Protein backbone atom coordinates (compact mmCIF):
# COMPACT_ATOMS: atom_id res chain seq x y z
CA MET A 1 83.67 63.27 135.73
CA PHE A 2 85.48 66.46 136.79
CA LYS A 3 87.43 64.48 139.43
CA THR A 4 88.46 61.87 136.84
CA ILE A 5 89.64 64.51 134.38
CA SER A 6 91.48 66.45 137.10
CA VAL A 7 93.26 63.37 138.46
CA PHE A 8 94.13 62.23 134.94
CA LEU A 9 95.60 65.63 133.97
CA LEU A 10 97.55 65.92 137.23
CA ARG A 11 98.88 62.37 136.89
CA VAL A 12 99.95 62.86 133.26
CA GLY A 13 101.41 66.28 134.03
CA LEU A 14 103.52 65.05 136.92
CA GLY A 15 104.40 61.94 134.95
CA SER A 16 105.68 64.13 132.12
CA LEU A 17 107.92 66.03 134.55
CA PHE A 18 109.39 62.79 135.91
CA PHE A 19 109.77 61.23 132.46
CA TYR A 20 111.51 64.27 130.99
CA ALA A 21 113.82 64.60 134.01
CA GLY A 22 114.80 60.95 133.67
CA ILE A 23 115.09 60.53 129.90
CA THR A 24 117.28 63.63 129.54
CA LYS A 25 119.67 62.10 132.08
CA VAL A 26 119.60 58.71 130.32
CA MET A 27 120.41 60.35 126.98
CA ASN A 28 123.26 62.47 128.35
CA PRO A 29 126.34 60.27 128.90
CA ASP A 30 128.07 63.10 130.79
CA TRP A 31 125.33 63.49 133.40
CA SER A 32 126.10 62.46 136.97
CA ALA A 33 124.51 63.04 140.34
CA ALA A 34 127.95 63.20 141.98
CA GLY A 35 128.09 66.99 142.33
CA TYR A 36 124.60 67.26 143.79
CA LEU A 37 125.28 64.47 146.26
CA ALA A 38 128.76 65.59 147.28
CA ASN A 39 127.48 69.04 148.32
CA ALA A 40 124.70 67.77 150.61
CA LYS A 41 123.83 70.03 153.53
CA THR A 42 121.87 67.41 155.51
CA PHE A 43 123.17 63.88 156.06
CA PRO A 44 126.43 64.72 154.24
CA SER A 45 128.08 61.40 155.15
CA LEU A 46 125.30 59.38 153.51
CA TYR A 47 125.24 61.49 150.36
CA GLN A 48 129.04 61.57 150.05
CA TRP A 49 129.00 57.77 150.35
CA LEU A 50 126.42 57.62 147.53
CA ALA A 51 128.63 59.95 145.46
CA SER A 52 131.76 57.85 146.02
CA ALA A 53 133.47 56.20 143.05
CA GLY A 54 132.27 52.75 144.13
CA ASN A 55 128.62 53.78 144.26
CA ILE A 56 128.01 56.58 141.77
CA GLY A 57 127.54 54.17 138.85
CA TRP A 58 124.52 52.38 140.32
CA VAL A 59 123.23 55.60 141.92
CA ASN A 60 123.19 57.32 138.52
CA PHE A 61 121.54 54.29 136.89
CA VAL A 62 118.80 54.04 139.53
CA ASN A 63 118.23 57.80 139.42
CA GLU A 64 118.02 58.05 135.61
CA TRP A 65 115.88 54.98 135.03
CA GLY A 66 113.86 55.44 138.21
CA LEU A 67 112.69 58.88 137.10
CA THR A 68 112.03 57.67 133.56
CA LEU A 69 110.04 54.61 134.61
CA ILE A 70 108.09 56.48 137.29
CA GLY A 71 107.18 59.06 134.67
CA ALA A 72 106.08 56.42 132.16
CA SER A 73 104.07 54.64 134.85
CA LEU A 74 102.24 57.82 135.80
CA ILE A 75 101.57 58.79 132.19
CA LEU A 76 100.17 55.37 131.35
CA GLY A 77 98.42 54.90 134.68
CA ILE A 78 100.00 51.52 135.34
CA PHE A 79 101.36 50.43 138.73
CA VAL A 80 100.69 53.98 139.94
CA ARG A 81 100.72 53.10 143.63
CA TRP A 82 104.16 51.48 143.36
CA SER A 83 105.61 54.22 141.19
CA ALA A 84 104.15 56.93 143.43
CA PHE A 85 105.81 55.30 146.44
CA ALA A 86 109.14 55.14 144.55
CA GLY A 87 108.67 58.77 143.48
CA ILE A 88 108.19 59.85 147.10
CA ILE A 89 111.45 58.14 148.06
CA ILE A 90 113.33 59.83 145.21
CA MET A 91 111.82 63.23 146.03
CA LEU A 92 112.86 62.91 149.68
CA LEU A 93 116.36 61.86 148.59
CA TYR A 94 116.45 65.05 146.45
CA TYR A 95 115.08 67.18 149.28
CA PHE A 96 117.58 66.50 152.05
CA PRO A 97 120.82 67.49 150.27
CA ILE A 98 119.54 71.06 149.79
CA LEU A 99 117.89 71.38 153.21
CA GLN A 100 119.57 73.78 155.62
CA PHE A 101 116.80 73.75 158.16
CA PRO A 102 114.52 75.65 157.99
CA HIS A 103 115.58 76.81 154.52
CA VAL A 104 115.44 74.62 151.44
CA GLY A 105 117.55 75.97 148.63
CA ASP A 106 117.50 79.72 148.07
CA HIS A 107 113.77 80.33 147.80
CA SER A 108 111.91 78.01 150.15
CA TYR A 109 111.12 77.72 153.82
CA ILE A 110 110.77 74.05 154.88
CA VAL A 111 108.50 73.17 151.92
CA ASP A 112 109.83 73.15 148.36
CA GLU A 113 108.77 71.48 145.10
CA HIS A 114 110.09 68.09 146.24
CA ILE A 115 107.70 68.10 149.18
CA ILE A 116 104.79 69.24 146.98
CA TYR A 117 105.52 66.46 144.46
CA SER A 118 105.69 63.96 147.34
CA LEU A 119 102.33 65.11 148.65
CA VAL A 120 100.74 64.82 145.21
CA LEU A 121 102.18 61.32 144.87
CA LEU A 122 100.78 60.46 148.29
CA VAL A 123 97.35 61.61 147.08
CA PHE A 124 97.77 59.42 143.99
CA ILE A 125 98.28 56.42 146.28
CA ALA A 126 95.28 57.31 148.42
CA ILE A 127 92.82 57.83 145.56
CA LYS A 128 94.06 55.09 143.22
CA ALA A 129 94.98 57.61 140.54
CA GLY A 130 95.78 54.87 138.01
CA HIS A 131 92.07 54.12 137.84
CA SER A 132 91.36 57.54 136.29
CA TRP A 133 91.72 56.73 132.59
CA GLY A 134 94.75 54.55 133.25
CA ILE A 135 95.78 50.98 132.65
CA ASP A 136 95.33 50.23 136.37
CA GLY A 137 91.63 50.97 135.92
CA LEU A 138 91.39 48.66 132.92
CA ARG A 139 93.23 45.87 134.75
CA SER A 140 90.88 46.04 137.74
CA LYS A 141 87.77 45.42 135.65
């Protein structure tokens, strides 16, 4: 029972972070990822291409709604494996622009919150976290 409660609380907690990060972007018409992408330290060509005028529209849309839907999925416990995989991709895409190996941002050495979130999402995939008081668990019965 302790494992179920722990996994549930961790899943809902991380889901809330993703959902809030996404929905605040969706609700803010002035928000754009362009600045973050244009200042990438690692793979600058790729991130500047994503920030270009021809791409930033769909990049913003995928970012905003991706975070929101991943968050909702984790909170509800539905399609957790798929959303966790998508969350890992987004977290890695957030990680590389601020990586100046071995430093990540101003306060991290190789590992920052994006890597920790990715590892938690990887655990969610491995343990079928949607089965801990989630819709995935109800669907499998």
